[in-house]
C-alpha atoms as a PDB file:
ATOM      1  CA  UNK A   1      -9.204   5.976   1.154  1.00  0.00           C
ATOM      2  CA  UNK A   2      -8.491   2.263   1.368  1.00  0.00           C
ATOM      3  CA  UNK A   3      -9.304   1.253   4.951  1.00  0.00           C
ATOM      4  CA  UNK A   4      -7.659  -1.867   6.358  1.00  0.00           C
ATOM      5  CA  UNK A   5      -8.548  -3.716   9.538  1.00  0.00           C
ATOM      6  CA  UNK A   6      -7.046  -6.757  11.222  1.00  0.00           C
ATOM      7  CA  UNK A   7      -7.801  -9.042  14.134  1.00  0.00           C
ATOM      8  CA  UNK A   8      -5.788 -11.790  15.778  1.00  0.00           C
ATOM      9  CA  UNK A   9      -7.493 -15.163  16.075  1.00  0.00           C
ATOM     10  CA  UNK A  10      -7.373 -16.779  19.482  1.00  0.00           C
ATOM     11  CA  UNK A  11      -8.630 -20.121  20.733  1.00  0.00           C
ATOM     12  CA  UNK A  12     -12.008 -19.719  22.426  1.00  0.00           C
ATOM     13  CA  UNK A  13     -12.939 -21.583  25.580  1.00  0.00           C
ATOM     14  CA  UNK A  14     -15.758 -19.138  26.358  1.00  0.00           C
ATOM     15  CA  UNK A  15     -18.691 -20.800  24.577  1.00  0.00           C
ATOM     16  CA  UNK A  16     -21.086 -18.033  25.592  1.00  0.00           C
ATOM     17  CA  UNK A  17     -18.905 -15.414  23.895  1.00  0.00           C
ATOM     18  CA  UNK A  18     -18.535 -17.574  20.805  1.00  0.00           C
ATOM     19  CA  UNK A  19     -22.309 -18.026  20.635  1.00  0.00           C
ATOM     20  CA  UNK A  20     -22.783 -14.247  20.848  1.00  0.00           C
ATOM     21  CA  UNK A  21     -20.355 -13.758  17.958  1.00  0.00           C
ATOM     22  CA  UNK A  22     -22.024 -16.427  15.825  1.00  0.00           C
ATOM     23  CA  UNK A  23     -25.358 -14.612  16.130  1.00  0.00           C
ATOM     24  CA  UNK A  24     -23.826 -11.567  14.411  1.00  0.00           C
ATOM     25  CA  UNK A  25     -23.401 -13.295  11.031  1.00  0.00           C
ATOM     26  CA  UNK A  26     -25.990 -14.651   8.614  1.00  0.00           C
ATOM     27  CA  UNK A  27     -27.646 -18.053   8.979  1.00  0.00           C
ATOM     28  CA  UNK A  28     -25.943 -19.295   5.805  1.00  0.00           C
ATOM     29  CA  UNK A  29     -22.564 -18.245   7.175  1.00  0.00           C
ATOM     30  CA  UNK A  30     -23.241 -19.987  10.490  1.00  0.00           C
ATOM     31  CA  UNK A  31     -24.076 -23.211   8.663  1.00  0.00           C
ATOM     32  CA  UNK A  32     -20.876 -22.963   6.640  1.00  0.00           C
ATOM     33  CA  UNK A  33     -18.796 -22.318   9.766  1.00  0.00           C
ATOM     34  CA  UNK A  34     -20.202 -25.415  11.480  1.00  0.00           C
ATOM     35  CA  UNK A  35     -19.076 -27.638   8.592  1.00  0.00           C
ATOM     36  CA  UNK A  36     -15.368 -27.117   9.260  1.00  0.00           C
ATOM     37  CA  UNK A  37     -13.634 -30.064  10.889  1.00  0.00           C
ATOM     38  CA  UNK A  38     -11.078 -27.998  12.813  1.00  0.00           C
ATOM     39  CA  UNK A  39     -11.906 -25.153  15.204  1.00  0.00           C
ATOM     40  CA  UNK A  40      -9.168 -22.917  13.806  1.00  0.00           C
ATOM     41  CA  UNK A  41     -10.713 -23.064  10.319  1.00  0.00           C
ATOM     42  CA  UNK A  42     -14.136 -22.288  11.787  1.00  0.00           C
ATOM     43  CA  UNK A  43     -12.714 -19.302  13.646  1.00  0.00           C
ATOM     44  CA  UNK A  44     -10.992 -17.953  10.534  1.00  0.00           C
ATOM     45  CA  UNK A  45     -14.259 -18.135   8.610  1.00  0.00           C
ATOM     46  CA  UNK A  46     -16.217 -16.567  11.462  1.00  0.00           C
ATOM     47  CA  UNK A  47     -13.795 -13.720  12.044  1.00  0.00           C
ATOM     48  CA  UNK A  48     -13.486 -13.053   8.322  1.00  0.00           C
ATOM     49  CA  UNK A  49     -17.241 -12.468   8.216  1.00  0.00           C
ATOM     50  CA  UNK A  50     -17.274 -10.455  11.442  1.00  0.00           C
ATOM     51  CA  UNK A  51     -14.332  -8.263  10.495  1.00  0.00           C
ATOM     52  CA  UNK A  52     -15.775  -7.412   7.085  1.00  0.00           C
ATOM     53  CA  UNK A  53     -19.097  -6.474   8.684  1.00  0.00           C
ATOM     54  CA  UNK A  54     -17.292  -4.394  11.306  1.00  0.00           C
ATOM     55  CA  UNK A  55     -15.231  -2.522   8.709  1.00  0.00           C
ATOM     56  CA  UNK A  56     -18.238  -1.811   6.497  1.00  0.00           C
ATOM     57  CA  UNK A  57     -20.337  -0.588   9.419  1.00  0.00           C
ATOM     58  CA  UNK A  58     -17.532   1.678  10.627  1.00  0.00           C
ATOM     59  CA  UNK A  59     -17.089   3.313   7.232  1.00  0.00           C
ATOM     60  CA  UNK A  60     -20.688   3.462   6.008  1.00  0.00           C
ATOM     61  CA  UNK A  61     -22.583   4.089   9.261  1.00  0.00           C
ATOM     62  CA  UNK A  62     -24.910   1.239   8.291  1.00  0.00           C
ATOM     63  CA  UNK A  63     -25.986  -1.159  11.025  1.00  0.00           C
ATOM     64  CA  UNK A  64     -24.980  -4.801  10.901  1.00  0.00           C
ATOM     65  CA  UNK A  65     -28.512  -6.070  10.264  1.00  0.00           C
ATOM     66  CA  UNK A  66     -28.876  -3.644   7.334  1.00  0.00           C
ATOM     67  CA  UNK A  67     -25.981  -5.129   5.355  1.00  0.00           C
ATOM     68  CA  UNK A  68     -26.782  -7.314   2.346  1.00  0.00           C
ATOM     69  CA  UNK A  69     -24.289  -9.460   0.433  1.00  0.00           C
ATOM     70  CA  UNK A  70     -24.120 -11.564  -2.702  1.00  0.00           C
ATOM     71  CA  UNK A  71     -21.384 -13.388  -4.643  1.00  0.00           C
ATOM     72  CA  UNK A  72     -20.218 -12.961  -8.239  1.00  0.00           C
ATOM     73  CA  UNK A  73     -19.765 -15.749 -10.786  1.00  0.00           C
ATOM     74  CA  UNK A  74     -16.314 -16.434  -9.308  1.00  0.00           C
ATOM     75  CA  UNK A  75     -17.800 -16.771  -5.806  1.00  0.00           C
ATOM     76  CA  UNK A  76     -16.312 -13.477  -4.607  1.00  0.00           C
ATOM     77  CA  UNK A  77     -18.628 -11.764  -2.069  1.00  0.00           C
ATOM     78  CA  UNK A  78     -19.814  -8.240  -2.804  1.00  0.00           C
ATOM     79  CA  UNK A  79     -22.120  -5.723  -1.176  1.00  0.00           C
ATOM     80  CA  UNK A  80     -25.676  -5.094  -2.308  1.00  0.00           C
ATOM     81  CA  UNK A  81     -26.340  -2.718   0.571  1.00  0.00           C
ATOM     82  CA  UNK A  82     -24.560  -0.370   0.805  1.00  0.00           C
ATOM     83  CA  UNK A  83     -23.678  -0.707  -2.882  1.00  0.00           C
ATOM     84  CA  UNK A  84     -21.089   2.085  -2.864  1.00  0.00           C
ATOM     85  CA  UNK A  85     -18.391   0.073  -1.092  1.00  0.00           C
ATOM     86  CA  UNK A  86     -16.099  -2.803  -2.050  1.00  0.00           C
ATOM     87  CA  UNK A  87     -14.436  -5.145   0.401  1.00  0.00           C
ATOM     88  CA  UNK A  88     -12.180  -8.163   0.567  1.00  0.00           C
ATOM     89  CA  UNK A  89     -10.875 -10.378   3.365  1.00  0.00           C
ATOM     90  CA  UNK A  90      -8.039 -12.822   3.897  1.00  0.00           C
ATOM     91  CA  UNK A  91      -6.702 -14.992   6.698  1.00  0.00           C
ATOM     92  CA  UNK A  92      -3.531 -16.906   7.430  1.00  0.00           C
ATOM     93  CA  UNK A  93      -1.746 -17.993  10.572  1.00  0.00           C
ATOM     94  CA  UNK A  94      -3.259 -16.094  13.487  1.00  0.00           C
ATOM     95  CA  UNK A  95      -4.421 -13.039  11.505  1.00  0.00           C
ATOM     96  CA  UNK A  96      -7.590 -12.079   9.645  1.00  0.00           C
ATOM     97  CA  UNK A  97      -7.499  -8.876   7.574  1.00  0.00           C
ATOM     98  CA  UNK A  98     -10.093  -6.881   5.649  1.00  0.00           C
ATOM     99  CA  UNK A  99      -9.823  -4.014   3.147  1.00  0.00           C
ATOM    100  CA  UNK A 100     -12.718  -1.670   2.328  1.00  0.00           C
ATOM    101  CA  UNK A 101     -12.718   1.019  -0.368  1.00  0.00           C
ATOM    102  CA  UNK A 102     -14.907   2.951  -2.795  1.00  0.00           C
ATOM    103  CA  UNK A 103     -13.504   0.921  -5.693  1.00  0.00           C
ATOM    104  CA  UNK A 104     -12.512  -2.717  -6.304  1.00  0.00           C
ATOM    105  CA  UNK A 105      -9.961  -3.895  -3.771  1.00  0.00           C
ATOM    106  CA  UNK A 106      -8.098  -7.096  -2.960  1.00  0.00           C
ATOM    107  CA  UNK A 107      -6.112  -8.103   0.104  1.00  0.00           C
ATOM    108  CA  UNK A 108      -4.000 -11.093   1.053  1.00  0.00           C
ATOM    109  CA  UNK A 109      -2.155 -12.080   4.216  1.00  0.00           C
ATOM    110  CA  UNK A 110       0.314 -14.922   4.540  1.00  0.00           C
ATOM    111  CA  UNK A 111       2.061 -16.646   7.407  1.00  0.00           C
ATOM    112  CA  UNK A 112       5.786 -16.682   6.637  1.00  0.00           C
ATOM    113  CA  UNK A 113       6.967 -20.270   6.884  1.00  0.00           C
ATOM    114  CA  UNK A 114       9.433 -22.554   5.125  1.00  0.00           C
ATOM    115  CA  UNK A 115       8.661 -22.949   1.425  1.00  0.00           C
ATOM    116  CA  UNK A 116      10.017 -24.852  -1.548  1.00  0.00           C
ATOM    117  CA  UNK A 117      10.897 -22.079  -3.989  1.00  0.00           C
ATOM    118  CA  UNK A 118      10.266 -24.454  -6.913  1.00  0.00           C
ATOM    119  CA  UNK A 119       6.597 -23.540  -6.506  1.00  0.00           C
ATOM    120  CA  UNK A 120       7.513 -20.119  -7.891  1.00  0.00           C
ATOM    121  CA  UNK A 121       8.381 -21.753 -11.221  1.00  0.00           C
ATOM    122  CA  UNK A 122       4.692 -22.590 -11.616  1.00  0.00           C
ATOM    123  CA  UNK A 123       3.021 -19.469 -10.264  1.00  0.00           C
ATOM    124  CA  UNK A 124       5.561 -16.701 -10.965  1.00  0.00           C
ATOM    125  CA  UNK A 125       6.580 -15.315 -14.328  1.00  0.00           C
ATOM    126  CA  UNK A 126      10.111 -15.941 -15.548  1.00  0.00           C
ATOM    127  CA  UNK A 127      11.152 -12.413 -14.549  1.00  0.00           C
ATOM    128  CA  UNK A 128       9.639 -12.768 -11.074  1.00  0.00           C
ATOM    129  CA  UNK A 129      11.372 -16.090 -10.524  1.00  0.00           C
ATOM    130  CA  UNK A 130      14.732 -14.637 -11.564  1.00  0.00           C
ATOM    131  CA  UNK A 131      14.238 -11.722  -9.166  1.00  0.00           C
ATOM    132  CA  UNK A 132      13.414 -14.167  -6.377  1.00  0.00           C
ATOM    133  CA  UNK A 133      16.515 -16.248  -7.003  1.00  0.00           C
ATOM    134  CA  UNK A 134      18.655 -13.096  -7.074  1.00  0.00           C
ATOM    135  CA  UNK A 135      17.602 -12.135  -3.554  1.00  0.00           C
ATOM    136  CA  UNK A 136      19.968 -12.508  -0.632  1.00  0.00           C
ATOM    137  CA  UNK A 137      19.397 -15.911   0.987  1.00  0.00           C
ATOM    138  CA  UNK A 138      18.327 -14.299   4.273  1.00  0.00           C
ATOM    139  CA  UNK A 139      15.698 -12.226   2.460  1.00  0.00           C
ATOM    140  CA  UNK A 140      14.503 -14.820  -0.035  1.00  0.00           C
ATOM    141  CA  UNK A 141      11.644 -16.288   1.995  1.00  0.00           C
ATOM    142  CA  UNK A 142      10.244 -12.894   2.952  1.00  0.00           C
ATOM    143  CA  UNK A 143      10.538 -11.723  -0.658  1.00  0.00           C
ATOM    144  CA  UNK A 144       8.644 -14.813  -1.865  1.00  0.00           C
ATOM    145  CA  UNK A 145       5.721 -14.096   0.453  1.00  0.00           C
ATOM    146  CA  UNK A 146       5.743 -10.423  -0.473  1.00  0.00           C
ATOM    147  CA  UNK A 147       5.416 -11.374  -4.140  1.00  0.00           C
ATOM    148  CA  UNK A 148       2.786 -13.982  -3.362  1.00  0.00           C
ATOM    149  CA  UNK A 149       0.584 -11.572  -1.386  1.00  0.00           C
ATOM    150  CA  UNK A 150       0.938  -8.891  -4.054  1.00  0.00           C
ATOM    151  CA  UNK A 151      -0.145 -11.310  -6.769  1.00  0.00           C
ATOM    152  CA  UNK A 152      -3.009 -12.689  -4.684  1.00  0.00           C
ATOM    153  CA  UNK A 153      -4.237  -9.185  -3.866  1.00  0.00           C
ATOM    154  CA  UNK A 154      -4.288  -8.361  -7.585  1.00  0.00           C
ATOM    155  CA  UNK A 155      -6.387 -11.354  -8.686  1.00  0.00           C
ATOM    156  CA  UNK A 156      -8.788 -10.657  -5.814  1.00  0.00           C
ATOM    157  CA  UNK A 157      -9.138  -6.987  -6.786  1.00  0.00           C
ATOM    158  CA  UNK A 158      -9.736  -8.136 -10.370  1.00  0.00           C
ATOM    159  CA  UNK A 159     -12.652 -10.182  -9.064  1.00  0.00           C
ATOM    160  CA  UNK A 160     -11.743 -13.484 -10.706  1.00  0.00           C
ATOM    161  CA  UNK A 161      -9.509 -14.791  -7.942  1.00  0.00           C
ATOM    162  CA  UNK A 162      -7.380 -17.785  -8.847  1.00  0.00           C
ATOM    163  CA  UNK A 163      -9.415 -18.243 -12.037  1.00  0.00           C
ATOM    164  CA  UNK A 164      -6.905 -15.669 -13.262  1.00  0.00           C
ATOM    165  CA  UNK A 165      -3.531 -17.473 -13.437  1.00  0.00           C
ATOM    166  CA  UNK A 166      -0.895 -15.945 -11.173  1.00  0.00           C
ATOM    167  CA  UNK A 167       1.677 -16.178 -13.971  1.00  0.00           C
ATOM    168  CA  UNK A 168      -0.495 -14.216 -16.421  1.00  0.00           C
ATOM    169  CA  UNK A 169       0.937 -10.938 -15.101  1.00  0.00           C
ATOM    170  CA  UNK A 170       4.166  -9.772 -13.529  1.00  0.00           C
ATOM    171  CA  UNK A 171       4.826  -7.723 -10.396  1.00  0.00           C
ATOM    172  CA  UNK A 172       7.877  -5.482 -10.456  1.00  0.00           C
ATOM    173  CA  UNK A 173       9.477  -4.013  -7.324  1.00  0.00           C
ATOM    174  CA  UNK A 174      12.089  -1.296  -7.720  1.00  0.00           C
ATOM    175  CA  UNK A 175      13.292   0.992  -4.945  1.00  0.00           C
ATOM    176  CA  UNK A 176      10.270  -0.035  -2.863  1.00  0.00           C
ATOM    177  CA  UNK A 177       7.880   1.010  -5.654  1.00  0.00           C
ATOM    178  CA  UNK A 178       5.485  -1.701  -6.821  1.00  0.00           C
ATOM    179  CA  UNK A 179       4.080  -1.864 -10.353  1.00  0.00           C
ATOM    180  CA  UNK A 180       2.335  -4.416 -12.541  1.00  0.00           C
ATOM    181  CA  UNK A 181       2.989  -5.564 -16.094  1.00  0.00           C
ATOM    182  CA  UNK A 182      -0.137  -7.096 -17.603  1.00  0.00           C
ATOM    183  CA  UNK A 183      -2.427  -7.338 -20.610  1.00  0.00           C
ATOM    184  CA  UNK A 184      -5.433  -7.860 -18.342  1.00  0.00           C
ATOM    185  CA  UNK A 185      -8.213  -5.279 -18.173  1.00  0.00           C
ATOM    186  CA  UNK A 186      -7.172  -4.261 -14.675  1.00  0.00           C
ATOM    187  CA  UNK A 187      -3.880  -2.612 -15.561  1.00  0.00           C
ATOM    188  CA  UNK A 188      -4.044   0.667 -13.660  1.00  0.00           C
ATOM    189  CA  UNK A 189      -3.850  -0.211  -9.992  1.00  0.00           C
ATOM    190  CA  UNK A 190      -1.792   0.464  -6.907  1.00  0.00           C
ATOM    191  CA  UNK A 191      -0.242  -1.713  -4.230  1.00  0.00           C
ATOM    192  CA  UNK A 192       0.660  -1.362  -0.575  1.00  0.00           C
ATOM    193  CA  UNK A 193       2.496  -3.866   1.614  1.00  0.00           C
ATOM    194  CA  UNK A 194       2.240  -4.243   5.374  1.00  0.00           C
ATOM    195  CA  UNK A 195       4.571  -6.239   7.598  1.00  0.00           C
ATOM    196  CA  UNK A 196       2.142  -7.031  10.407  1.00  0.00           C
ATOM    197  CA  UNK A 197       4.743  -8.769  12.549  1.00  0.00           C
ATOM    198  CA  UNK A 198       7.804 -10.966  12.061  1.00  0.00           C
ATOM    199  CA  UNK A 199       5.700 -13.876  10.811  1.00  0.00           C
ATOM    200  CA  UNK A 200       2.882 -12.260   8.822  1.00  0.00           C
ATOM    201  CA  UNK A 201       2.851 -10.088   5.714  1.00  0.00           C
ATOM    202  CA  UNK A 202      -0.132  -8.516   3.959  1.00  0.00           C
ATOM    203  CA  UNK A 203      -0.527  -6.751   0.617  1.00  0.00           C
ATOM    204  CA  UNK A 204      -3.402  -4.727  -0.811  1.00  0.00           C
ATOM    205  CA  UNK A 205      -4.310  -3.874  -4.407  1.00  0.00           C
ATOM    206  CA  UNK A 206      -6.701  -1.051  -5.276  1.00  0.00           C
ATOM    207  CA  UNK A 207      -7.642   1.395  -8.004  1.00  0.00           C
ATOM    208  CA  UNK A 208      -6.816   4.137  -5.489  1.00  0.00           C
ATOM    209  CA  UNK A 209      -3.343   4.908  -4.162  1.00  0.00           C
ATOM    210  CA  UNK A 210      -4.745   6.463  -0.996  1.00  0.00           C
ATOM    211  CA  UNK A 211      -3.962   3.703   1.497  1.00  0.00           C
ATOM    212  CA  UNK A 212      -4.098   3.925   5.272  1.00  0.00           C
ATOM    213  CA  UNK A 213      -0.612   4.008   6.757  1.00  0.00           C
ATOM    214  CA  UNK A 214      -1.098   0.950   8.956  1.00  0.00           C
ATOM    215  CA  UNK A 215      -3.554  -1.840   9.643  1.00  0.00           C
ATOM    216  CA  UNK A 216      -6.144  -0.933  12.277  1.00  0.00           C
ATOM    217  CA  UNK A 217      -6.173  -3.771  14.800  1.00  0.00           C
ATOM    218  CA  UNK A 218      -9.511  -4.484  16.465  1.00  0.00           C
ATOM    219  CA  UNK A 219     -10.563  -6.791  19.292  1.00  0.00           C
ATOM    220  CA  UNK A 220     -13.420  -9.213  19.845  1.00  0.00           C
ATOM    221  CA  UNK A 221     -15.073  -6.634  22.063  1.00  0.00           C
ATOM    222  CA  UNK A 222     -14.836  -4.002  19.319  1.00  0.00           C
ATOM    223  CA  UNK A 223     -16.742  -6.423  17.082  1.00  0.00           C
ATOM    224  CA  UNK A 224     -19.416  -7.019  19.712  1.00  0.00           C
ATOM    225  CA  UNK A 225     -19.856  -3.327  20.459  1.00  0.00           C
ATOM    226  CA  UNK A 226     -20.232  -2.307  16.806  1.00  0.00           C
ATOM    227  CA  UNK A 227     -22.198  -5.254  15.421  1.00  0.00           C
ATOM    228  CA  UNK A 228     -24.612  -6.052  18.271  1.00  0.00           C
END
């Protein structure tokens, strides 16, 4: 099963609560969080770390202080303990999301805003760009972000992130079925899309096609209860 969790980021005026949350992540993570210039960026980083820890603890029955992490050569975090799980996080707009599975997994979320579709000429394949341009005008923006999150989720599941060019593979959507055309090693994978709300879309890529039906939304107090 691919488990997916999400949390909405809110502005914090309660410094005591924020301090309690900061204590639940590693010292290195706290130092990184403090380097951000804007509070919203700090909160995204903090809640990305908290949500991943929450999801892993929920699924593995490990305690927060038992979790151990490292990063691969592409700077993608992975679990050392427990070593039987894979996870990935993403944040955009007011949402942070996390996917956890027993095999490599990637997730992306995007805030749907105005976009210059010329960017697709650089990052999409020719076929993907044609499909985008053939969309109804009212649906074009949403379709762009669907494609973008699908492609991002794939490179994150692959483990190389944006070191793997987004135009090196093609995503095909037919009758709501999503498939990939690629010569990359990761060629047998599955996708699932989630429309979180009117302004946010998320996609997940995994070696398993057993996805949860919806994103499990958690609260700050869920994080505190599980991770403290």
